[in-house]
Amino acid sequence: MSTSLGSIHGAGAGVFQALSNGYTGVNFAVRMWDGSSWRFSELEPPAYTIIFHGPESLRALVVNPSELTLGEAFIHGEIDLEGDIFAVFDLVQHILSRPAEVHHSFIQSVAKTSLLLRQWIHEAGRHTLPRDRASIAYHYDQPVEFYRLWLGKTLVYSCAYFETGEETLDQAQENKLELICKKLRLQPLERFLDIGCGWGSMILHAALRHGVYAHGVTLSQSQAQTVTERIKQANLMQSCAVDLEDYRVMAHLLPFDKMSSIGMFEHVGLKNLPQYFSAARQLLKPGGTLLNHGIGRSALSPPRSASFIDRYVFPDGELVPIHQALAAAEEAGFEVRDVENLREHYERTLRLWVQALEKNADAVLKLVSTTTYRIWRLYMAGSAAAFRRGDLGLYQTLLSRPEHGNSGLPLTRRDWYCA
């Protein structure tokens, strides 16, 4: 594409022209605090416009750009975005993938000849607003009403399953819950445990649709209260229960026939995986099965040292490649029976969550701060881009605890897809 210098002059045009050199994504535009603008190409309308609200906002892009510095500039309102938030991540990836020496050389060459750019950088260092770390919005500190506005009526905060691609979010989440039940081959009166049960959607679905005795555990008091209320509303007190408990101290309970862990595995961490799978195996009857549903990073995509999500979204989270998770499961005594990657499903899920969040922005902002809203919008849109690129995968792994070599499982998966 050809580059248009628009009405930004001097160093400003040079900054964006150099940073976009080699970029092959959709057209975009830039608007500065003084009203001047720049467009990557004049041949088509821009898919999005990046808005810089002051000299300090340019610092995140020009001086040592990273996922963290760019993310912080967005959530604190120094940079804004109009248009398609998903499309901007191709540009971000392009900028972050530039070799450090190329970026440094570019800065030095422009700064030597441009008083304007040197002034921007100087002012940025002097006028950047103090970052109040108390503004970090930890993941489950928000009221349940906040989640309902964009998760939908199912209150399921994990990857949905789109059988046709035409489903609503609620339908796709019901599909996912049912798929897990089918993979576990739940039978009436079996004892079923969901580790990290969230707001209880899995145990409610399993008890109502498959007649099991369903038990959920969570470390979130607000989630436990919500699950208790939902169990009462569904009149499932005889077949559903929830504990505010750590799964690692539940060995005193009778073992379960089947278990699931959905979206909890990401919080465990590589060094704790042996303990995680060992504790899960102890809770499972011989011949039982565990469905582990969790995000894994590509082995070709190493973790970044300065991660926006680590700082603002999942402070204790750690994503591991699937081969490391499978090795830990096998070493704990599990047999791997099936692995399915639902990567494309999670991209679609995240896009629907962001659309619902944006649609309900007025209601959301009555419950949480503007900073929190920006954090969630950015993190989910960025995650969708990571799933699209293949940096992340969503793996449903079926694990069994064989008894004397007998898995108790049929020879094929045909029954999973029968009506």
Protein backbone atom coordinates (compact mmCIF):
# COMPACT_ATOMS: atom_id res chain seq x y z
CA MET A 1 0.00 0.00 0.00
CA SER A 2 1.06 3.57 -0.53
CA THR A 3 1.40 5.83 2.49
CA SER A 4 -0.42 9.11 2.84
CA LEU A 5 1.11 11.84 4.99
CA GLY A 6 -2.28 13.47 5.43
CA SER A 7 -2.06 16.68 7.46
CA ILE A 8 0.52 15.52 10.02
CA HIS A 9 3.78 17.18 9.18
CA GLY A 10 7.46 16.61 9.89
CA ALA A 11 8.38 14.01 12.48
CA GLY A 12 4.78 12.97 13.07
CA ALA A 13 4.43 11.72 9.52
CA GLY A 14 7.87 10.13 9.71
CA VAL A 15 6.92 8.20 12.85
CA PHE A 16 3.85 6.58 11.36
CA GLN A 17 5.36 6.08 7.93
CA ALA A 18 8.33 4.24 9.45
CA LEU A 19 6.32 2.21 11.95
CA SER A 20 3.92 1.00 9.24
CA ASN A 21 6.69 0.10 6.79
CA GLY A 22 6.02 -3.47 5.68
CA TYR A 23 2.56 -3.59 7.26
CA THR A 24 0.09 -5.58 5.13
CA GLY A 25 -3.12 -5.37 7.17
CA VAL A 26 -6.28 -3.35 6.63
CA ASN A 27 -6.22 0.40 6.13
CA PHE A 28 -6.09 2.58 9.25
CA ALA A 29 -5.86 6.24 10.18
CA VAL A 30 -4.28 8.28 12.96
CA ARG A 31 -5.64 11.45 14.59
CA MET A 32 -3.49 13.62 16.86
CA TRP A 33 -4.37 15.82 19.83
CA ASP A 34 -4.07 18.97 17.70
CA GLY A 35 -6.59 17.71 15.13
CA SER A 36 -4.04 16.72 12.49
CA SER A 37 -4.39 13.31 10.88
CA TRP A 38 -2.58 10.66 8.85
CA ARG A 39 -3.88 7.74 6.80
CA PHE A 40 -2.01 4.60 5.78
CA SER A 41 -3.72 4.58 2.38
CA GLU A 42 -6.03 6.96 0.54
CA LEU A 43 -7.42 4.15 -1.62
CA GLU A 44 -10.08 2.96 0.83
CA PRO A 45 -11.77 4.06 4.06
CA PRO A 46 -9.90 3.15 7.24
CA ALA A 47 -11.16 0.18 9.26
CA TYR A 48 -10.15 1.98 12.45
CA THR A 49 -8.66 5.26 13.66
CA ILE A 50 -6.08 5.49 16.44
CA ILE A 51 -6.49 8.68 18.46
CA PHE A 52 -3.59 10.20 20.44
CA HIS A 53 -4.83 12.60 23.14
CA GLY A 54 -1.53 14.28 23.97
CA PRO A 55 2.24 14.19 23.53
CA GLU A 56 2.60 11.64 26.32
CA SER A 57 0.40 9.19 24.42
CA LEU A 58 2.95 8.96 21.62
CA ARG A 59 5.56 7.69 24.05
CA ALA A 60 3.91 4.27 24.31
CA LEU A 61 4.26 3.84 20.56
CA VAL A 62 7.68 5.42 19.99
CA VAL A 63 9.74 4.74 23.11
CA ASN A 64 10.18 1.02 23.78
CA PRO A 65 6.71 -0.10 22.65
CA SER A 66 5.40 -3.30 24.23
CA GLU A 67 2.11 -5.05 24.77
CA LEU A 68 2.11 -3.61 28.29
CA THR A 69 2.94 0.03 27.47
CA LEU A 70 0.42 0.16 24.62
CA GLY A 71 -2.25 -1.52 26.75
CA GLU A 72 -1.70 0.86 29.65
CA ALA A 73 -1.92 3.86 27.33
CA PHE A 74 -5.30 2.58 26.13
CA ILE A 75 -6.87 1.76 29.50
CA HIS A 76 -5.80 5.11 30.96
CA GLY A 77 -7.34 7.02 28.05
CA GLU A 78 -4.12 8.33 26.51
CA ILE A 79 -4.89 6.42 23.30
CA ASP A 80 -8.39 5.80 21.96
CA LEU A 81 -9.74 3.74 19.11
CA GLU A 82 -12.65 4.31 16.75
CA GLY A 83 -13.83 1.48 14.53
CA ASP A 84 -12.91 -2.21 14.47
CA ILE A 85 -10.96 -3.00 17.66
CA PHE A 86 -10.16 -6.51 16.40
CA ALA A 87 -8.39 -5.25 13.27
CA VAL A 88 -5.89 -3.09 15.19
CA PHE A 89 -4.06 -6.13 16.57
CA ASP A 90 -2.50 -6.89 13.18
CA LEU A 91 -0.79 -3.49 13.37
CA VAL A 92 0.21 -4.03 17.00
CA GLN A 93 1.71 -7.40 16.11
CA HIS A 94 3.60 -5.78 13.22
CA ILE A 95 5.06 -3.06 15.45
CA LEU A 96 6.01 -5.44 18.26
CA SER A 97 7.63 -7.91 15.86
CA ARG A 98 10.08 -5.30 14.51
CA PRO A 99 13.64 -6.04 15.67
CA ALA A 100 14.67 -3.81 18.58
CA GLU A 101 17.74 -2.55 16.73
CA VAL A 102 15.58 -1.47 13.76
CA HIS A 103 13.26 0.45 16.07
CA HIS A 104 16.16 2.06 17.93
CA SER A 105 17.86 3.06 14.68
CA PHE A 106 14.63 4.60 13.44
CA ILE A 107 14.19 6.66 16.60
CA GLN A 108 17.75 7.90 16.52
CA SER A 109 17.69 8.89 12.86
CA VAL A 110 14.43 10.82 13.15
CA ALA A 111 15.33 12.42 16.47
CA LYS A 112 18.60 13.77 15.10
CA THR A 113 16.83 15.77 12.45
CA SER A 114 13.56 16.61 14.13
CA LEU A 115 13.12 19.08 16.95
CA LEU A 116 9.41 18.25 17.02
CA LEU A 117 9.93 14.56 17.77
CA ARG A 118 12.51 15.30 20.48
CA GLN A 119 10.03 17.71 22.04
CA TRP A 120 7.26 15.09 21.98
CA ILE A 121 9.44 12.53 23.72
CA HIS A 122 10.70 15.03 26.29
CA GLU A 123 7.19 16.19 27.14
CA ALA A 124 5.99 12.62 27.34
CA GLY A 125 8.50 11.86 30.07
CA ARG A 126 7.56 14.98 31.99
CA HIS A 127 3.80 14.91 31.73
CA THR A 128 2.83 11.22 31.85
CA LEU A 129 0.14 10.79 34.50
CA PRO A 130 1.09 8.69 37.56
CA ARG A 131 -0.12 5.09 37.20
CA ASP A 132 -2.14 4.09 40.21
CA ARG A 133 -1.59 0.37 40.59
CA ALA A 134 -4.70 0.27 42.73
CA SER A 135 -6.65 0.61 39.49
CA ILE A 136 -5.70 -2.93 38.46
CA ALA A 137 -9.02 -4.72 38.09
CA TYR A 138 -8.63 -8.29 39.22
CA HIS A 139 -10.71 -10.74 37.34
CA TYR A 140 -13.47 -11.86 39.62
CA ASP A 141 -13.78 -8.78 41.80
CA GLN A 142 -16.59 -7.47 39.61
CA PRO A 143 -20.30 -7.84 40.46
CA VAL A 144 -22.12 -10.71 38.76
CA GLU A 145 -24.38 -8.17 37.03
CA PHE A 146 -21.32 -6.94 35.13
CA TYR A 147 -20.71 -10.40 33.69
CA ARG A 148 -24.37 -11.00 32.86
CA LEU A 149 -24.39 -8.00 30.55
CA TRP A 150 -21.98 -9.65 28.10
CA LEU A 151 -21.83 -13.35 29.00
CA GLY A 152 -25.57 -13.74 28.45
CA LYS A 153 -28.10 -15.74 30.42
CA THR A 154 -25.93 -18.87 30.66
CA LEU A 155 -23.24 -17.03 32.68
CA VAL A 156 -20.61 -19.27 31.12
CA TYR A 157 -17.18 -17.66 31.05
CA SER A 158 -15.31 -20.07 28.77
CA CYS A 159 -15.14 -21.01 25.10
CA ALA A 160 -18.49 -21.74 23.47
CA TYR A 161 -19.08 -24.46 20.85
CA PHE A 162 -20.54 -23.52 17.46
CA GLU A 163 -21.90 -26.57 15.68
CA THR A 164 -23.15 -24.59 12.68
CA GLY A 165 -21.67 -21.13 13.19
CA GLU A 166 -25.16 -19.64 13.17
CA GLU A 167 -25.91 -20.11 16.87
CA THR A 168 -26.44 -17.28 19.32
CA LEU A 169 -23.94 -17.05 22.15
CA ASP A 170 -26.40 -18.64 24.59
CA GLN A 171 -27.06 -21.53 22.21
CA ALA A 172 -23.36 -22.08 21.62
CA GLN A 173 -22.67 -22.15 25.35
CA GLU A 174 -25.41 -24.73 25.84
CA ASN A 175 -23.76 -26.71 23.04
CA LYS A 176 -20.44 -26.58 24.91
CA LEU A 177 -21.92 -27.76 28.20
CA GLU A 178 -23.66 -30.64 26.43
CA LEU A 179 -20.51 -31.56 24.49
CA ILE A 180 -18.61 -31.91 27.77
CA CYS A 181 -21.36 -34.07 29.24
CA LYS A 182 -21.26 -36.31 26.15
CA LYS A 183 -17.49 -36.59 26.21
CA LEU A 184 -17.70 -37.63 29.87
CA ARG A 185 -20.65 -39.93 29.01
CA LEU A 186 -22.51 -38.83 32.12
CA GLN A 187 -25.07 -41.33 33.40
CA PRO A 188 -27.98 -40.83 35.85
CA LEU A 189 -27.04 -41.00 39.54
CA GLU A 190 -23.30 -40.68 38.90
CA ARG A 191 -21.33 -38.36 41.19
CA PHE A 192 -19.92 -35.48 39.16
CA LEU A 193 -17.45 -32.78 40.24
CA ASP A 194 -16.71 -29.50 38.46
CA ILE A 195 -13.42 -27.96 39.65
CA GLY A 196 -13.54 -24.16 39.52
CA CYS A 197 -17.27 -24.15 38.84
CA GLY A 198 -17.67 -20.42 38.20
CA TRP A 199 -21.31 -19.41 38.50
CA GLY A 200 -22.49 -23.04 38.39
CA SER A 201 -23.65 -23.44 34.81
CA MET A 202 -21.92 -26.79 34.29
CA ILE A 203 -23.28 -28.48 37.41
CA LEU A 204 -26.79 -27.12 36.79
CA HIS A 205 -26.74 -28.41 33.21
CA ALA A 206 -25.36 -31.82 34.20
CA ALA A 207 -27.90 -32.32 36.99
CA LEU A 208 -30.87 -31.11 34.97
CA ARG A 209 -30.08 -32.82 31.65
CA HIS A 210 -28.26 -35.96 32.79
CA GLY A 211 -29.60 -36.71 36.27
CA VAL A 212 -26.23 -36.75 38.05
CA TYR A 213 -25.38 -35.64 41.56
CA ALA A 214 -23.36 -32.55 40.69
CA HIS A 215 -20.88 -30.85 42.98
CA GLY A 216 -19.02 -27.62 42.28
CA VAL A 217 -16.06 -25.99 44.02
CA THR A 218 -14.83 -22.41 43.71
CA LEU A 219 -12.51 -20.07 45.58
CA SER A 220 -14.74 -17.06 44.89
CA GLN A 221 -17.22 -16.23 47.62
CA SER A 222 -19.39 -14.16 45.29
CA GLN A 223 -19.50 -17.03 42.79
CA ALA A 224 -20.42 -19.53 45.50
CA GLN A 225 -23.29 -17.29 46.61
CA THR A 226 -24.54 -16.96 43.04
CA VAL A 227 -24.36 -20.74 42.48
CA THR A 228 -26.34 -21.36 45.68
CA GLU A 229 -29.04 -18.94 44.51
CA ARG A 230 -29.21 -20.54 41.06
CA ILE A 231 -29.51 -24.04 42.56
CA LYS A 232 -32.47 -22.88 44.68
CA GLN A 233 -34.11 -21.14 41.73
CA ALA A 234 -33.81 -24.32 39.65
CA ASN A 235 -35.13 -26.45 42.56
CA LEU A 236 -32.07 -28.70 42.34
CA MET A 237 -31.09 -28.71 46.03
CA GLN A 238 -31.28 -32.52 46.15
CA SER A 239 -28.89 -33.04 43.25
CA CYS A 240 -26.60 -29.98 43.21
CA ALA A 241 -24.19 -28.50 45.73
CA VAL A 242 -21.36 -25.98 45.81
CA ASP A 243 -18.48 -25.53 48.23
CA LEU A 244 -16.24 -22.54 48.80
CA GLU A 245 -13.27 -24.87 48.83
CA ASP A 246 -9.88 -25.66 47.34
CA TYR A 247 -9.97 -28.88 45.34
CA ARG A 248 -6.59 -29.86 46.81
CA VAL A 249 -8.06 -30.36 50.28
CA MET A 250 -11.10 -32.39 49.21
CA ALA A 251 -9.49 -35.84 49.38
CA HIS A 252 -11.71 -36.66 52.38
CA LEU A 253 -14.77 -36.75 50.08
CA LEU A 254 -15.97 -39.92 48.41
CA PRO A 255 -14.42 -40.20 44.94
CA PHE A 256 -16.38 -39.01 41.94
CA ASP A 257 -17.38 -40.97 38.85
CA LYS A 258 -16.73 -38.10 36.44
CA MET A 259 -15.07 -34.68 36.67
CA SER A 260 -14.62 -31.54 34.63
CA SER A 261 -12.31 -28.55 34.94
CA ILE A 262 -13.33 -25.68 32.67
CA GLY A 263 -11.25 -22.53 32.41
CA MET A 264 -9.53 -23.14 35.75
CA PHE A 265 -6.40 -24.92 34.51
CA GLU A 266 -4.90 -21.61 33.26
CA HIS A 267 -4.43 -20.45 36.86
CA VAL A 268 -2.41 -23.47 37.98
CA GLY A 269 1.05 -22.77 36.55
CA LEU A 270 3.59 -25.15 35.07
CA LYS A 271 5.35 -26.09 38.31
CA ASN A 272 2.01 -26.89 39.98
CA LEU A 273 0.63 -29.10 37.19
CA PRO A 274 1.84 -32.34 38.84
CA GLN A 275 -0.02 -31.43 42.03
CA TYR A 276 -3.10 -30.38 40.05
CA PHE A 277 -3.40 -33.65 38.14
CA SER A 278 -2.45 -35.78 41.14
CA ALA A 279 -5.15 -34.16 43.29
CA ALA A 280 -7.70 -34.58 40.49
CA ARG A 281 -6.80 -38.25 40.09
CA GLN A 282 -7.26 -38.87 43.83
CA LEU A 283 -10.76 -37.43 43.59
CA LEU A 284 -11.66 -39.73 40.69
CA LYS A 285 -12.82 -43.34 40.90
CA PRO A 286 -10.83 -45.99 39.03
CA GLY A 287 -12.41 -46.19 35.59
CA GLY A 288 -13.55 -42.54 35.83
CA THR A 289 -12.86 -39.72 33.40
CA LEU A 290 -11.82 -36.07 33.65
CA LEU A 291 -12.51 -33.48 30.95
CA ASN A 292 -9.89 -30.72 31.19
CA HIS A 293 -10.93 -27.64 29.18
CA GLY A 294 -8.25 -24.95 29.10
CA ILE A 295 -6.15 -22.50 27.10
CA GLY A 296 -2.66 -23.45 26.02
CA ARG A 297 -0.10 -21.35 24.21
CA SER A 298 1.63 -22.51 21.09
CA ALA A 299 5.08 -23.96 21.68
CA LEU A 300 6.24 -21.56 18.94
CA SER A 301 4.85 -18.55 20.83
CA PRO A 302 6.95 -18.02 23.98
CA PRO A 303 5.48 -15.92 26.79
CA ARG A 304 6.25 -12.21 26.64
CA SER A 305 8.21 -10.62 29.44
CA ALA A 306 5.94 -7.56 29.57
CA SER A 307 2.41 -8.88 29.32
CA PHE A 308 -0.63 -6.65 29.65
CA ILE A 309 -2.80 -9.62 30.64
CA ASP A 310 -0.34 -10.71 33.34
CA ARG A 311 -0.41 -7.25 34.88
CA TYR A 312 -4.07 -6.29 34.53
CA VAL A 313 -6.17 -9.38 33.92
CA PHE A 314 -4.73 -12.67 35.18
CA PRO A 315 -1.93 -11.71 37.62
CA ASP A 316 -1.29 -15.35 38.57
CA GLY A 317 -2.12 -16.98 35.27
CA GLU A 318 0.32 -19.06 33.25
CA LEU A 319 -0.35 -20.66 29.88
CA VAL A 320 1.63 -23.75 28.96
CA PRO A 321 1.93 -25.66 25.67
CA ILE A 322 -0.35 -28.67 25.40
CA HIS A 323 2.54 -31.16 25.35
CA GLN A 324 3.62 -30.03 28.82
CA ALA A 325 0.09 -30.39 30.17
CA LEU A 326 -0.29 -33.86 28.69
CA ALA A 327 3.07 -34.96 30.09
CA ALA A 328 2.07 -33.79 33.59
CA ALA A 329 -1.28 -35.62 33.31
CA GLU A 330 0.38 -38.86 32.25
CA GLU A 331 3.02 -38.63 34.97
CA ALA A 332 0.20 -38.28 37.51
CA GLY A 333 -1.31 -41.55 36.33
CA PHE A 334 -3.90 -40.43 33.78
CA GLU A 335 -4.31 -41.92 30.34
CA VAL A 336 -4.87 -39.42 27.52
CA ARG A 337 -7.92 -40.53 25.55
CA ASP A 338 -8.76 -37.55 23.37
CA VAL A 339 -7.52 -34.01 22.62
CA GLU A 340 -9.54 -31.48 20.61
CA ASN A 341 -8.48 -27.91 19.82
CA LEU A 342 -11.41 -25.46 19.71
CA ARG A 343 -9.23 -22.47 18.80
CA GLU A 344 -11.60 -21.02 16.16
CA HIS A 345 -14.53 -21.41 18.55
CA TYR A 346 -12.82 -19.25 21.15
CA GLU A 347 -12.10 -16.47 18.68
CA ARG A 348 -15.79 -16.40 17.78
CA THR A 349 -16.78 -16.48 21.46
CA LEU A 350 -14.53 -13.56 22.33
CA ARG A 351 -15.83 -11.50 19.43
CA LEU A 352 -19.40 -12.00 20.67
CA TRP A 353 -18.38 -11.06 24.21
CA VAL A 354 -16.74 -7.84 23.03
CA GLN A 355 -19.76 -6.97 20.88
CA ALA A 356 -22.06 -7.46 23.87
CA LEU A 357 -19.74 -5.46 26.13
CA GLU A 358 -19.69 -2.56 23.66
CA LYS A 359 -23.45 -2.77 23.07
CA ASN A 360 -24.12 -2.59 26.82
CA ALA A 361 -21.40 -0.03 27.57
CA ASP A 362 -23.76 2.42 29.30
CA ALA A 363 -25.04 -0.23 31.68
CA VAL A 364 -21.54 -1.65 32.23
CA LEU A 365 -20.18 1.78 33.20
CA LYS A 366 -22.80 2.05 35.92
CA LEU A 367 -21.24 -1.02 37.55
CA VAL A 368 -17.51 -0.61 36.92
CA SER A 369 -15.03 2.17 36.18
CA THR A 370 -14.06 3.36 32.72
CA THR A 371 -10.61 1.87 33.28
CA THR A 372 -12.10 -1.54 34.05
CA TYR A 373 -14.30 -1.36 30.96
CA ARG A 374 -11.26 -0.53 28.81
CA ILE A 375 -9.23 -3.36 30.36
CA TRP A 376 -11.85 -5.96 29.53
CA ARG A 377 -12.55 -4.63 26.05
CA LEU A 378 -8.86 -4.61 25.17
CA TYR A 379 -7.98 -7.94 26.75
CA MET A 380 -10.83 -9.84 25.07
CA ALA A 381 -10.25 -8.28 21.64
CA GLY A 382 -6.53 -8.97 21.91
CA SER A 383 -7.20 -12.55 22.97
CA ALA A 384 -9.43 -13.04 19.93
CA ALA A 385 -6.53 -11.91 17.74
CA ALA A 386 -4.17 -14.35 19.52
CA PHE A 387 -6.53 -17.27 18.89
CA ARG A 388 -6.90 -16.23 15.25
CA ARG A 389 -3.12 -16.16 14.76
CA GLY A 390 -2.70 -19.53 16.46
CA ASP A 391 -0.65 -18.16 19.36
CA LEU A 392 -3.26 -19.68 21.65
CA GLY A 393 -5.37 -22.83 21.49
CA LEU A 394 -8.31 -24.08 23.52
CA TYR A 395 -7.86 -27.75 24.34
CA GLN A 396 -10.50 -30.15 25.56
CA THR A 397 -8.55 -33.12 26.88
CA LEU A 398 -10.33 -36.29 27.98
CA LEU A 399 -8.33 -38.17 30.60
CA SER A 400 -9.17 -41.53 32.15
CA ARG A 401 -8.06 -43.39 35.25
CA PRO A 402 -7.91 -46.95 33.95
CA GLU A 403 -8.61 -49.88 36.26
CA HIS A 404 -6.25 -52.79 35.58
CA GLY A 405 -5.77 -51.48 32.06
CA ASN A 406 -9.49 -51.22 31.38
CA SER A 407 -10.53 -47.69 30.45
CA GLY A 408 -14.23 -48.52 30.39
CA LEU A 409 -14.59 -46.46 27.24
CA PRO A 410 -16.11 -47.51 23.90
CA LEU A 411 -13.97 -48.01 20.82
CA THR A 412 -15.18 -44.90 18.99
CA ARG A 413 -16.43 -41.39 19.70
CA ARG A 414 -19.59 -41.86 17.65
CA ASP A 415 -21.94 -41.44 20.61
CA TRP A 416 -20.61 -37.91 21.25
CA TYR A 417 -22.30 -36.62 18.13
CA CYS A 418 -25.57 -38.55 18.25
CA ALA A 419 -28.75 -36.66 19.04
